[in-house]
Amino acid sequence: MKFTIENDNNIIVFTIKENSIGTELAPELKAKILIEAQPNIKGMIFDLSSVESMDSSGLGALLLANRILRDFSIPVIIVNAGIFVMNLMQMTQINQLFEFYTSIDEAKSELLKQISEN
């Protein structure tokens, strides 16, 4: 799977560089999520700007991040989700589990603002 992982002051940014996240790619993504989803991070951001489609295993990877981090009140943020991905999340009603932003910088800024307020 083509993606990058950046750790910017304990904000983890996954930039997915595939046009589809399906059964052949999701296991590797899940493995990396398990490594990065630690209780000391401030947030996890998924940049989906290249992702045009996703199936249930791709959604499962995002849900895994949410499931691990919600017990620590650490947000999972989706950035640049396309129409197909947004529609899929709305149909399955998992969009309520994530925060959505249009850029990584905006997501980081809002995340840092939330942290400073708490």
PDB file of N, CA and C in Angstrom:
ATOM      1  N   MET A   1       0.847  -1.185   0.000  1.00  0.00           N
ATOM      2  CA  MET A   1       0.000   0.000   0.000  1.00  0.00           C
ATOM      3  C   MET A   1       0.882   1.234   0.000  1.00  0.00           C
ATOM      4  N   LYS A   2       0.500   2.198  -0.761  1.00  0.00           N
ATOM      5  CA  LYS A   2       1.244   3.447  -0.805  1.00  0.00           C
ATOM      6  C   LYS A   2       0.622   4.450   0.158  1.00  0.00           C
ATOM      7  N   PHE A   3       1.362   4.792   1.200  1.00  0.00           N
ATOM      8  CA  PHE A   3       0.945   5.828   2.120  1.00  0.00           C
ATOM      9  C   PHE A   3       2.161   6.305   2.887  1.00  0.00           C
ATOM     10  N   THR A   4       2.021   7.482   3.457  1.00  0.00           N
ATOM     11  CA  THR A   4       3.081   7.992   4.317  1.00  0.00           C
ATOM     12  C   THR A   4       2.493   8.207   5.701  1.00  0.00           C
ATOM     13  N   ILE A   5       3.371   8.122   6.678  1.00  0.00           N
ATOM     14  CA  ILE A   5       2.979   8.385   8.057  1.00  0.00           C
ATOM     15  C   ILE A   5       3.921   9.456   8.584  1.00  0.00           C
ATOM     16  N   GLU A   6       3.337  10.524   9.060  1.00  0.00           N
ATOM     17  CA  GLU A   6       4.110  11.633   9.615  1.00  0.00           C
ATOM     18  C   GLU A   6       3.698  11.821  11.068  1.00  0.00           C
ATOM     19  N   ASN A   7       4.678  12.023  11.919  1.00  0.00           N
ATOM     20  CA  ASN A   7       4.404  12.330  13.319  1.00  0.00           C
ATOM     21  C   ASN A   7       4.852  13.766  13.547  1.00  0.00           C
ATOM     22  N   ASP A   8       3.891  14.662  13.687  1.00  0.00           N
ATOM     23  CA  ASP A   8       4.167  16.081  13.894  1.00  0.00           C
ATOM     24  C   ASP A   8       3.733  16.450  15.310  1.00  0.00           C
ATOM     25  N   ASN A   9       4.686  16.440  16.241  1.00  0.00           N
ATOM     26  CA  ASN A   9       4.392  16.741  17.651  1.00  0.00           C
ATOM     27  C   ASN A   9       3.274  15.859  18.199  1.00  0.00           C
ATOM     28  N   ASN A  10       3.375  14.566  17.947  1.00  0.00           N
ATOM     29  CA  ASN A  10       2.405  13.566  18.398  1.00  0.00           C
ATOM     30  C   ASN A  10       1.036  13.684  17.751  1.00  0.00           C
ATOM     31  N   ILE A  11       0.976  14.328  16.605  1.00  0.00           N
ATOM     32  CA  ILE A  11      -0.207  14.264  15.748  1.00  0.00           C
ATOM     33  C   ILE A  11       0.197  13.364  14.574  1.00  0.00           C
ATOM     34  N   ILE A  12      -0.460  12.226  14.463  1.00  0.00           N
ATOM     35  CA  ILE A  12      -0.119  11.253  13.427  1.00  0.00           C
ATOM     36  C   ILE A  12      -0.938  11.551  12.178  1.00  0.00           C
ATOM     37  N   VAL A  13      -0.259  11.680  11.042  1.00  0.00           N
ATOM     38  CA  VAL A  13      -0.937  11.957   9.770  1.00  0.00           C
ATOM     39  C   VAL A  13      -0.654  10.816   8.802  1.00  0.00           C
ATOM     40  N   PHE A  14      -1.705  10.076   8.457  1.00  0.00           N
ATOM     41  CA  PHE A  14      -1.631   9.063   7.413  1.00  0.00           C
ATOM     42  C   PHE A  14      -2.069   9.728   6.115  1.00  0.00           C
ATOM     43  N   THR A  15      -1.209   9.774   5.126  1.00  0.00           N
ATOM     44  CA  THR A  15      -1.589  10.271   3.808  1.00  0.00           C
ATOM     45  C   THR A  15      -1.673   9.057   2.890  1.00  0.00           C
ATOM     46  N   ILE A  16      -2.885   8.689   2.520  1.00  0.00           N
ATOM     47  CA  ILE A  16      -3.126   7.526   1.673  1.00  0.00           C
ATOM     48  C   ILE A  16      -2.889   7.945   0.225  1.00  0.00           C
ATOM     49  N   LYS A  17      -2.044   7.191  -0.478  1.00  0.00           N
ATOM     50  CA  LYS A  17      -1.705   7.531  -1.858  1.00  0.00           C
ATOM     51  C   LYS A  17      -2.205   6.462  -2.830  1.00  0.00           C
ATOM     52  N   GLU A  18      -3.375   5.933  -2.530  1.00  0.00           N
ATOM     53  CA  GLU A  18      -4.036   4.935  -3.373  1.00  0.00           C
ATOM     54  C   GLU A  18      -5.395   5.496  -3.766  1.00  0.00           C
ATOM     55  N   ASN A  19      -5.915   5.064  -4.908  1.00  0.00           N
ATOM     56  CA  ASN A  19      -7.239   5.562  -5.294  1.00  0.00           C
ATOM     57  C   ASN A  19      -8.363   4.717  -4.715  1.00  0.00           C
ATOM     58  N   SER A  20      -8.006   3.561  -4.113  1.00  0.00           N
ATOM     59  CA  SER A  20      -9.022   2.706  -3.520  1.00  0.00           C
ATOM     60  C   SER A  20      -8.445   1.984  -2.303  1.00  0.00           C
ATOM     61  N   ILE A  21      -9.256   1.883  -1.257  1.00  0.00           N
ATOM     62  CA  ILE A  21      -8.865   1.097  -0.091  1.00  0.00           C
ATOM     63  C   ILE A  21      -9.852  -0.055   0.013  1.00  0.00           C
ATOM     64  N   GLY A  22      -9.349  -1.255  -0.276  1.00  0.00           N
ATOM     65  CA  GLY A  22     -10.191  -2.445  -0.263  1.00  0.00           C
ATOM     66  C   GLY A  22      -9.527  -3.583   0.489  1.00  0.00           C
ATOM     67  N   THR A  23     -10.021  -4.781   0.244  1.00  0.00           N
ATOM     68  CA  THR A  23      -9.575  -5.955   0.999  1.00  0.00           C
ATOM     69  C   THR A  23      -8.097  -6.261   0.833  1.00  0.00           C
ATOM     70  N   GLU A  24      -7.507  -5.876  -0.287  1.00  0.00           N
ATOM     71  CA  GLU A  24      -6.087  -6.168  -0.491  1.00  0.00           C
ATOM     72  C   GLU A  24      -5.182  -5.152   0.206  1.00  0.00           C
ATOM     73  N   LEU A  25      -5.673  -3.970   0.509  1.00  0.00           N
ATOM     74  CA  LEU A  25      -4.845  -2.928   1.110  1.00  0.00           C
ATOM     75  C   LEU A  25      -5.126  -2.683   2.590  1.00  0.00           C
ATOM     76  N   ALA A  26      -6.329  -2.969   3.020  1.00  0.00           N
ATOM     77  CA  ALA A  26      -6.735  -2.662   4.395  1.00  0.00           C
ATOM     78  C   ALA A  26      -5.896  -3.365   5.468  1.00  0.00           C
ATOM     79  N   PRO A  27      -5.494  -4.628   5.297  1.00  0.00           N
ATOM     80  CA  PRO A  27      -4.706  -5.267   6.365  1.00  0.00           C
ATOM     81  C   PRO A  27      -3.395  -4.544   6.683  1.00  0.00           C
ATOM     82  N   GLU A  28      -2.702  -4.067   5.666  1.00  0.00           N
ATOM     83  CA  GLU A  28      -1.464  -3.327   5.906  1.00  0.00           C
ATOM     84  C   GLU A  28      -1.743  -2.002   6.615  1.00  0.00           C
ATOM     85  N   LEU A  29      -2.814  -1.334   6.211  1.00  0.00           N
ATOM     86  CA  LEU A  29      -3.193  -0.088   6.863  1.00  0.00           C
ATOM     87  C   LEU A  29      -3.540  -0.341   8.330  1.00  0.00           C
ATOM     88  N   LYS A  30      -4.305  -1.399   8.592  1.00  0.00           N
ATOM     89  CA  LYS A  30      -4.659  -1.740   9.971  1.00  0.00           C
ATOM     90  C   LYS A  30      -3.421  -2.023  10.810  1.00  0.00           C
ATOM     91  N   ALA A  31      -2.456  -2.731  10.242  1.00  0.00           N
ATOM     92  CA  ALA A  31      -1.223  -3.040  10.974  1.00  0.00           C
ATOM     93  C   ALA A  31      -0.491  -1.757  11.367  1.00  0.00           C
ATOM     94  N   LYS A  32      -0.426  -0.809  10.456  1.00  0.00           N
ATOM     95  CA  LYS A  32       0.245   0.469  10.755  1.00  0.00           C
ATOM     96  C   LYS A  32      -0.545   1.281  11.780  1.00  0.00           C
ATOM     97  N   ILE A  33      -1.860   1.217  11.698  1.00  0.00           N
ATOM     98  CA  ILE A  33      -2.695   1.917  12.680  1.00  0.00           C
ATOM     99  C   ILE A  33      -2.432   1.365  14.073  1.00  0.00           C
ATOM    100  N   LEU A  34      -2.352   0.046  14.187  1.00  0.00           N
ATOM    101  CA  LEU A  34      -2.088  -0.577  15.484  1.00  0.00           C
ATOM    102  C   LEU A  34      -0.761  -0.097  16.080  1.00  0.00           C
ATOM    103  N   ILE A  35       0.219   0.121  15.241  1.00  0.00           N
ATOM    104  CA  ILE A  35       1.524   0.594  15.711  1.00  0.00           C
ATOM    105  C   ILE A  35       1.444   2.051  16.168  1.00  0.00           C
ATOM    106  N   GLU A  36       0.748   2.880  15.411  1.00  0.00           N
ATOM    107  CA  GLU A  36       0.745   4.329  15.658  1.00  0.00           C
ATOM    108  C   GLU A  36      -0.304   4.787  16.680  1.00  0.00           C
ATOM    109  N   ALA A  37      -1.362   4.022  16.877  1.00  0.00           N
ATOM    110  CA  ALA A  37      -2.472   4.445  17.751  1.00  0.00           C
ATOM    111  C   ALA A  37      -2.111   4.193  19.219  1.00  0.00           C
ATOM    112  N   GLN A  38      -1.315   5.069  19.753  1.00  0.00           N
ATOM    113  CA  GLN A  38      -0.841   4.957  21.134  1.00  0.00           C
ATOM    114  C   GLN A  38      -1.500   6.026  22.004  1.00  0.00           C
ATOM    115  N   PRO A  39      -1.629   5.770  23.297  1.00  0.00           N
ATOM    116  CA  PRO A  39      -2.341   6.714  24.175  1.00  0.00           C
ATOM    117  C   PRO A  39      -1.638   8.058  24.379  1.00  0.00           C
ATOM    118  N   ASN A  40      -0.403   8.191  23.925  1.00  0.00           N
ATOM    119  CA  ASN A  40       0.315   9.454  24.108  1.00  0.00           C
ATOM    120  C   ASN A  40       0.175  10.406  22.916  1.00  0.00           C
ATOM    121  N   ILE A  41      -0.528   9.994  21.854  1.00  0.00           N
ATOM    122  CA  ILE A  41      -0.668  10.904  20.715  1.00  0.00           C
ATOM    123  C   ILE A  41      -1.804  11.883  20.981  1.00  0.00           C
ATOM    124  N   LYS A  42      -1.814  12.978  20.217  1.00  0.00           N
ATOM    125  CA  LYS A  42      -2.841  14.015  20.375  1.00  0.00           C
ATOM    126  C   LYS A  42      -4.015  13.808  19.420  1.00  0.00           C
ATOM    127  N   GLY A  43      -3.751  13.139  18.313  1.00  0.00           N
ATOM    128  CA  GLY A  43      -4.797  12.908  17.326  1.00  0.00           C
ATOM    129  C   GLY A  43      -4.250  12.107  16.165  1.00  0.00           C
ATOM    130  N   MET A  44      -5.158  11.525  15.383  1.00  0.00           N
ATOM    131  CA  MET A  44      -4.773  10.779  14.190  1.00  0.00           C
ATOM    132  C   MET A  44      -5.581  11.328  13.023  1.00  0.00           C
ATOM    133  N   ILE A  45      -4.859  11.742  11.995  1.00  0.00           N
ATOM    134  CA  ILE A  45      -5.470  12.350  10.812  1.00  0.00           C
ATOM    135  C   ILE A  45      -5.263  11.425   9.618  1.00  0.00           C
ATOM    136  N   PHE A  46      -6.325  11.205   8.863  1.00  0.00           N
ATOM    137  CA  PHE A  46      -6.249  10.438   7.621  1.00  0.00           C
ATOM    138  C   PHE A  46      -6.540  11.370   6.458  1.00  0.00           C
ATOM    139  N   ASP A  47      -5.533  11.596   5.606  1.00  0.00           N
ATOM    140  CA  ASP A  47      -5.703  12.409   4.407  1.00  0.00           C
ATOM    141  C   ASP A  47      -6.143  11.478   3.279  1.00  0.00           C
ATOM    142  N   LEU A  48      -7.379  11.611   2.859  1.00  0.00           N
ATOM    143  CA  LEU A  48      -7.959  10.732   1.842  1.00  0.00           C
ATOM    144  C   LEU A  48      -8.102  11.426   0.494  1.00  0.00           C
ATOM    145  N   SER A  49      -7.303  12.449   0.241  1.00  0.00           N
ATOM    146  CA  SER A  49      -7.464  13.224  -0.994  1.00  0.00           C
ATOM    147  C   SER A  49      -7.264  12.391  -2.257  1.00  0.00           C
ATOM    148  N   SER A  50      -6.492  11.319  -2.210  1.00  0.00           N
ATOM    149  CA  SER A  50      -6.282  10.471  -3.389  1.00  0.00           C
ATOM    150  C   SER A  50      -7.280   9.322  -3.479  1.00  0.00           C
ATOM    151  N   VAL A  51      -8.032   9.092  -2.421  1.00  0.00           N
ATOM    152  CA  VAL A  51      -8.925   7.930  -2.345  1.00  0.00           C
ATOM    153  C   VAL A  51     -10.255   8.249  -3.024  1.00  0.00           C
ATOM    154  N   GLU A  52     -10.543   7.488  -4.084  1.00  0.00           N
ATOM    155  CA  GLU A  52     -11.794   7.666  -4.815  1.00  0.00           C
ATOM    156  C   GLU A  52     -12.856   6.675  -4.381  1.00  0.00           C
ATOM    157  N   SER A  53     -12.437   5.511  -3.879  1.00  0.00           N
ATOM    158  CA  SER A  53     -13.401   4.502  -3.443  1.00  0.00           C
ATOM    159  C   SER A  53     -12.855   3.719  -2.257  1.00  0.00           C
ATOM    160  N   MET A  54     -13.785   3.088  -1.558  1.00  0.00           N
ATOM    161  CA  MET A  54     -13.434   2.344  -0.354  1.00  0.00           C
ATOM    162  C   MET A  54     -14.523   1.299  -0.147  1.00  0.00           C
ATOM    163  N   ASP A  55     -14.128   0.133   0.355  1.00  0.00           N
ATOM    164  CA  ASP A  55     -15.140  -0.861   0.689  1.00  0.00           C
ATOM    165  C   ASP A  55     -15.198  -1.038   2.202  1.00  0.00           C
ATOM    166  N   SER A  56     -15.923  -2.044   2.655  1.00  0.00           N
ATOM    167  CA  SER A  56     -16.117  -2.225   4.090  1.00  0.00           C
ATOM    168  C   SER A  56     -14.817  -2.486   4.835  1.00  0.00           C
ATOM    169  N   SER A  57     -13.834  -3.101   4.181  1.00  0.00           N
ATOM    170  CA  SER A  57     -12.552  -3.329   4.862  1.00  0.00           C
ATOM    171  C   SER A  57     -11.787  -2.024   5.041  1.00  0.00           C
ATOM    172  N   GLY A  58     -11.935  -1.102   4.108  1.00  0.00           N
ATOM    173  CA  GLY A  58     -11.338   0.222   4.272  1.00  0.00           C
ATOM    174  C   GLY A  58     -11.991   0.983   5.402  1.00  0.00           C
ATOM    175  N   LEU A  59     -13.323   0.910   5.463  1.00  0.00           N
ATOM    176  CA  LEU A  59     -14.036   1.519   6.587  1.00  0.00           C
ATOM    177  C   LEU A  59     -13.613   0.867   7.898  1.00  0.00           C
ATOM    178  N   GLY A  60     -13.381  -0.444   7.851  1.00  0.00           N
ATOM    179  CA  GLY A  60     -12.950  -1.165   9.043  1.00  0.00           C
ATOM    180  C   GLY A  60     -11.628  -0.660   9.582  1.00  0.00           C
ATOM    181  N   ALA A  61     -10.728  -0.264   8.687  1.00  0.00           N
ATOM    182  CA  ALA A  61      -9.437   0.285   9.121  1.00  0.00           C
ATOM    183  C   ALA A  61      -9.647   1.602   9.872  1.00  0.00           C
ATOM    184  N   LEU A  62     -10.498   2.454   9.346  1.00  0.00           N
ATOM    185  CA  LEU A  62     -10.777   3.724  10.020  1.00  0.00           C
ATOM    186  C   LEU A  62     -11.485   3.490  11.348  1.00  0.00           C
ATOM    187  N   LEU A  63     -12.387   2.517  11.368  1.00  0.00           N
ATOM    188  CA  LEU A  63     -13.086   2.184  12.609  1.00  0.00           C
ATOM    189  C   LEU A  63     -12.133   1.612  13.653  1.00  0.00           C
ATOM    190  N   LEU A  64     -11.129   0.875  13.208  1.00  0.00           N
ATOM    191  CA  LEU A  64     -10.126   0.350  14.135  1.00  0.00           C
ATOM    192  C   LEU A  64      -9.421   1.495  14.855  1.00  0.00           C
ATOM    193  N   ALA A  65      -9.016   2.505  14.106  1.00  0.00           N
ATOM    194  CA  ALA A  65      -8.360   3.674  14.717  1.00  0.00           C
ATOM    195  C   ALA A  65      -9.293   4.321  15.737  1.00  0.00           C
ATOM    196  N   ASN A  66     -10.553   4.493  15.367  1.00  0.00           N
ATOM    197  CA  ASN A  66     -11.522   5.085  16.287  1.00  0.00           C
ATOM    198  C   ASN A  66     -11.698   4.241  17.535  1.00  0.00           C
ATOM    199  N   ARG A  67     -11.815   2.943  17.360  1.00  0.00           N
ATOM    200  CA  ARG A  67     -12.049   2.034  18.489  1.00  0.00           C
ATOM    201  C   ARG A  67     -10.872   2.069  19.472  1.00  0.00           C
ATOM    202  N   ILE A  68      -9.660   2.096  18.969  1.00  0.00           N
ATOM    203  CA  ILE A  68      -8.482   2.120  19.842  1.00  0.00           C
ATOM    204  C   ILE A  68      -8.369   3.454  20.574  1.00  0.00           C
ATOM    205  N   LEU A  69      -8.590   4.555  19.863  1.00  0.00           N
ATOM    206  CA  LEU A  69      -8.295   5.878  20.423  1.00  0.00           C
ATOM    207  C   LEU A  69      -9.434   6.504  21.212  1.00  0.00           C
ATOM    208  N   ARG A  70     -10.666   6.070  21.002  1.00  0.00           N
ATOM    209  CA  ARG A  70     -11.783   6.721  21.702  1.00  0.00           C
ATOM    210  C   ARG A  70     -11.709   6.554  23.215  1.00  0.00           C
ATOM    211  N   ASP A  71     -11.155   5.432  23.692  1.00  0.00           N
ATOM    212  CA  ASP A  71     -11.029   5.236  25.145  1.00  0.00           C
ATOM    213  C   ASP A  71     -10.092   6.256  25.781  1.00  0.00           C
ATOM    214  N   PHE A  72      -9.230   6.858  24.981  1.00  0.00           N
ATOM    215  CA  PHE A  72      -8.289   7.874  25.462  1.00  0.00           C
ATOM    216  C   PHE A  72      -8.742   9.275  25.077  1.00  0.00           C
ATOM    217  N   SER A  73      -9.951   9.396  24.520  1.00  0.00           N
ATOM    218  CA  SER A  73     -10.501  10.675  24.048  1.00  0.00           C
ATOM    219  C   SER A  73      -9.579  11.351  23.032  1.00  0.00           C
ATOM    220  N   ILE A  74      -8.989  10.543  22.166  1.00  0.00           N
ATOM    221  CA  ILE A  74      -8.103  11.051  21.108  1.00  0.00           C
ATOM    222  C   ILE A  74      -8.889  11.029  19.799  1.00  0.00           C
ATOM    223  N   PRO A  75      -9.035  12.187  19.143  1.00  0.00           N
ATOM    224  CA  PRO A  75      -9.853  12.232  17.930  1.00  0.00           C
ATOM    225  C   PRO A  75      -9.183  11.588  16.717  1.00  0.00           C
ATOM    226  N   VAL A  76     -10.036  11.004  15.874  1.00  0.00           N
ATOM    227  CA  VAL A  76      -9.635  10.514  14.564  1.00  0.00           C
ATOM    228  C   VAL A  76     -10.285  11.446  13.557  1.00  0.00           C
ATOM    229  N   ILE A  77      -9.450  12.040  12.715  1.00  0.00           N
ATOM    230  CA  ILE A  77      -9.892  13.105  11.817  1.00  0.00           C
ATOM    231  C   ILE A  77      -9.714  12.662  10.370  1.00  0.00           C
ATOM    232  N   ILE A  78     -10.720  12.930   9.555  1.00  0.00           N
ATOM    233  CA  ILE A  78     -10.679  12.627   8.127  1.00  0.00           C
ATOM    234  C   ILE A  78     -10.523  13.949   7.373  1.00  0.00           C
ATOM    235  N   VAL A  79      -9.560  13.983   6.467  1.00  0.00           N
ATOM    236  CA  VAL A  79      -9.287  15.183   5.677  1.00  0.00           C
ATOM    237  C   VAL A  79      -9.455  14.849   4.195  1.00  0.00           C
ATOM    238  N   ASN A  80     -10.086  15.753   3.467  1.00  0.00           N
ATOM    239  CA  ASN A  80     -10.217  15.658   2.014  1.00  0.00           C
ATOM    240  C   ASN A  80     -10.953  14.399   1.548  1.00  0.00           C
ATOM    241  N   ALA A  81     -11.983  13.995   2.257  1.00  0.00           N
ATOM    242  CA  ALA A  81     -12.766  12.839   1.826  1.00  0.00           C
ATOM    243  C   ALA A  81     -13.568  13.203   0.588  1.00  0.00           C
ATOM    244  N   GLY A  82     -13.516  12.351  -0.413  1.00  0.00           N
ATOM    245  CA  GLY A  82     -14.262  12.574  -1.643  1.00  0.00           C
ATOM    246  C   GLY A  82     -15.732  12.230  -1.495  1.00  0.00           C
ATOM    247  N   ILE A  83     -16.488  12.477  -2.551  1.00  0.00           N
ATOM    248  CA  ILE A  83     -17.935  12.279  -2.527  1.00  0.00           C
ATOM    249  C   ILE A  83     -18.299  10.827  -2.255  1.00  0.00           C
ATOM    250  N   PHE A  84     -17.620   9.888  -2.925  1.00  0.00           N
ATOM    251  CA  PHE A  84     -17.936   8.472  -2.730  1.00  0.00           C
ATOM    252  C   PHE A  84     -17.714   8.059  -1.275  1.00  0.00           C
ATOM    253  N   VAL A  85     -16.562   8.432  -0.723  1.00  0.00           N
ATOM    254  CA  VAL A  85     -16.227   8.057   0.650  1.00  0.00           C
ATOM    255  C   VAL A  85     -17.199   8.708   1.633  1.00  0.00           C
ATOM    256  N   MET A  86     -17.521   9.976   1.425  1.00  0.00           N
ATOM    257  CA  MET A  86     -18.468  10.660   2.312  1.00  0.00           C
ATOM    258  C   MET A  86     -19.851  10.007   2.246  1.00  0.00           C
ATOM    259  N   ASN A  87     -20.305   9.681   1.042  1.00  0.00           N
ATOM    260  CA  ASN A  87     -21.608   9.021   0.894  1.00  0.00           C
ATOM    261  C   ASN A  87     -21.619   7.664   1.591  1.00  0.00           C
ATOM    262  N   LEU A  88     -20.531   6.910   1.447  1.00  0.00           N
ATOM    263  CA  LEU A  88     -20.422   5.611   2.092  1.00  0.00           C
ATOM    264  C   LEU A  88     -20.476   5.752   3.613  1.00  0.00           C
ATOM    265  N   MET A  89     -19.766   6.733   4.133  1.00  0.00           N
ATOM    266  CA  MET A  89     -19.761   6.952   5.584  1.00  0.00           C
ATOM    267  C   MET A  89     -21.131   7.402   6.081  1.00  0.00           C
ATOM    268  N   GLN A  90     -21.814   8.212   5.295  1.00  0.00           N
ATOM    269  CA  GLN A  90     -23.147   8.659   5.693  1.00  0.00           C
ATOM    270  C   GLN A  90     -24.155   7.512   5.631  1.00  0.00           C
ATOM    271  N   MET A  91     -24.062   6.674   4.595  1.00  0.00           N
ATOM    272  CA  MET A  91     -24.977   5.534   4.471  1.00  0.00           C
ATOM    273  C   MET A  91     -24.806   4.560   5.630  1.00  0.00           C
ATOM    274  N   THR A  92     -23.568   4.350   6.050  1.00  0.00           N
ATOM    275  CA  THR A  92     -23.295   3.412   7.142  1.00  0.00           C
ATOM    276  C   THR A  92     -23.366   4.090   8.505  1.00  0.00           C
ATOM    277  N   GLN A  93     -23.574   5.384   8.497  1.00  0.00           N
ATOM    278  CA  GLN A  93     -23.708   6.223   9.698  1.00  0.00           C
ATOM    279  C   GLN A  93     -22.458   6.224  10.583  1.00  0.00           C
ATOM    280  N   ILE A  94     -21.302   5.958   9.983  1.00  0.00           N
ATOM    281  CA  ILE A  94     -20.080   6.049  10.789  1.00  0.00           C
ATOM    282  C   ILE A  94     -19.462   7.437  10.706  1.00  0.00           C
ATOM    283  N   ASN A  95     -20.021   8.295   9.877  1.00  0.00           N
ATOM    284  CA  ASN A  95     -19.502   9.659   9.771  1.00  0.00           C
ATOM    285  C   ASN A  95     -19.592  10.393  11.109  1.00  0.00           C
ATOM    286  N   GLN A  96     -20.498   9.960  11.976  1.00  0.00           N
ATOM    287  CA  GLN A  96     -20.662  10.601  13.282  1.00  0.00           C
ATOM    288  C   GLN A  96     -19.488  10.323  14.223  1.00  0.00           C
ATOM    289  N   LEU A  97     -18.656   9.350  13.885  1.00  0.00           N
ATOM    290  CA  LEU A  97     -17.540   8.972  14.749  1.00  0.00           C
ATOM    291  C   LEU A  97     -16.278   9.795  14.492  1.00  0.00           C
ATOM    292  N   PHE A  98     -16.268  10.550  13.414  1.00  0.00           N
ATOM    293  CA  PHE A  98     -15.063  11.253  12.993  1.00  0.00           C
ATOM    294  C   PHE A  98     -15.307  12.751  12.867  1.00  0.00           C
ATOM    295  N   GLU A  99     -14.207  13.491  12.912  1.00  0.00           N
ATOM    296  CA  GLU A  99     -14.234  14.907  12.574  1.00  0.00           C
ATOM    297  C   GLU A  99     -13.750  15.020  11.131  1.00  0.00           C
ATOM    298  N   PHE A 100     -14.276  15.993  10.392  1.00  0.00           N
ATOM    299  CA  PHE A 100     -13.930  16.165   8.982  1.00  0.00           C
ATOM    300  C   PHE A 100     -13.425  17.580   8.738  1.00  0.00           C
ATOM    301  N   TYR A 101     -12.330  17.677   7.973  1.00  0.00           N
ATOM    302  CA  TYR A 101     -11.760  18.967   7.605  1.00  0.00           C
ATOM    303  C   TYR A 101     -11.316  18.916   6.153  1.00  0.00           C
ATOM    304  N   THR A 102     -11.073  20.099   5.588  1.00  0.00           N
ATOM    305  CA  THR A 102     -10.697  20.179   4.179  1.00  0.00           C
ATOM    306  C   THR A 102      -9.194  20.238   3.950  1.00  0.00           C
ATOM    307  N   SER A 103      -8.407  20.409   5.025  1.00  0.00           N
ATOM    308  CA  SER A 103      -6.950  20.409   4.867  1.00  0.00           C
ATOM    309  C   SER A 103      -6.293  19.889   6.135  1.00  0.00           C
ATOM    310  N   ILE A 104      -5.098  19.395   5.982  1.00  0.00           N
ATOM    311  CA  ILE A 104      -4.331  18.905   7.129  1.00  0.00           C
ATOM    312  C   ILE A 104      -4.028  20.054   8.075  1.00  0.00           C
ATOM    313  N   ASP A 105      -3.659  21.204   7.540  1.00  0.00           N
ATOM    314  CA  ASP A 105      -3.343  22.358   8.386  1.00  0.00           C
ATOM    315  C   ASP A 105      -4.557  22.778   9.217  1.00  0.00           C
ATOM    316  N   GLU A 106      -5.732  22.794   8.594  1.00  0.00           N
ATOM    317  CA  GLU A 106      -6.952  23.147   9.324  1.00  0.00           C
ATOM    318  C   GLU A 106      -7.213  22.123  10.433  1.00  0.00           C
ATOM    319  N   ALA A 107      -7.046  20.844  10.120  1.00  0.00           N
ATOM    320  CA  ALA A 107      -7.274  19.793  11.114  1.00  0.00           C
ATOM    321  C   ALA A 107      -6.307  19.931  12.286  1.00  0.00           C
ATOM    322  N   LYS A 108      -5.040  20.161  11.982  1.00  0.00           N
ATOM    323  CA  LYS A 108      -4.046  20.323  13.052  1.00  0.00           C
ATOM    324  C   LYS A 108      -4.358  21.539  13.906  1.00  0.00           C
ATOM    325  N   SER A 109      -4.724  22.629  13.276  1.00  0.00           N
ATOM    326  CA  SER A 109      -5.041  23.855  13.999  1.00  0.00           C
ATOM    327  C   SER A 109      -6.225  23.645  14.942  1.00  0.00           C
ATOM    328  N   GLU A 110      -7.291  23.035  14.445  1.00  0.00           N
ATOM    329  CA  GLU A 110      -8.470  22.772  15.277  1.00  0.00           C
ATOM    330  C   GLU A 110      -8.143  21.796  16.405  1.00  0.00           C
ATOM    331  N   LEU A 111      -7.333  20.802  16.106  1.00  0.00           N
ATOM    332  CA  LEU A 111      -6.942  19.830  17.123  1.00  0.00           C
ATOM    333  C   LEU A 111      -6.153  20.494  18.242  1.00  0.00           C
ATOM    334  N   LEU A 112      -5.203  21.333  17.872  1.00  0.00           N
ATOM    335  CA  LEU A 112      -4.405  22.039  18.883  1.00  0.00           C
ATOM    336  C   LEU A 112      -5.262  23.007  19.699  1.00  0.00           C
ATOM    337  N   LYS A 113      -6.260  23.620  19.049  1.00  0.00           N
ATOM    338  CA  LYS A 113      -7.175  24.507  19.770  1.00  0.00           C
ATOM    339  C   LYS A 113      -7.985  23.714  20.792  1.00  0.00           C
ATOM    340  N   GLN A 114      -8.475  22.536  20.393  1.00  0.00           N
ATOM    341  CA  GLN A 114      -9.228  21.684  21.321  1.00  0.00           C
ATOM    342  C   GLN A 114      -8.376  21.260  22.509  1.00  0.00           C
ATOM    343  N   ILE A 115      -7.132  20.921  22.246  1.00  0.00           N
ATOM    344  CA  ILE A 115      -6.222  20.489  23.314  1.00  0.00           C
ATOM    345  C   ILE A 115      -5.970  21.614  24.287  1.00  0.00           C
ATOM    346  N   SER A 116      -5.750  22.824  23.779  1.00  0.00           N
ATOM    347  CA  SER A 116      -5.457  23.957  24.653  1.00  0.00           C
ATOM    348  C   SER A 116      -6.666  24.350  25.491  1.00  0.00           C
ATOM    349  N   GLU A 117      -7.879  24.081  25.000  1.00  0.00           N
ATOM    350  CA  GLU A 117      -9.098  24.390  25.749  1.00  0.00           C
ATOM    351  C   GLU A 117      -9.337  23.402  26.895  1.00  0.00           C
ATOM    352  N   ASN A 118      -8.760  22.216  26.777  1.00  0.00           N
ATOM    353  CA  ASN A 118      -8.965  21.192  27.808  1.00  0.00           C
ATOM    354  C   ASN A 118      -7.863  21.222  28.786  1.00  0.00           C
TER     355      ASN A 118
END
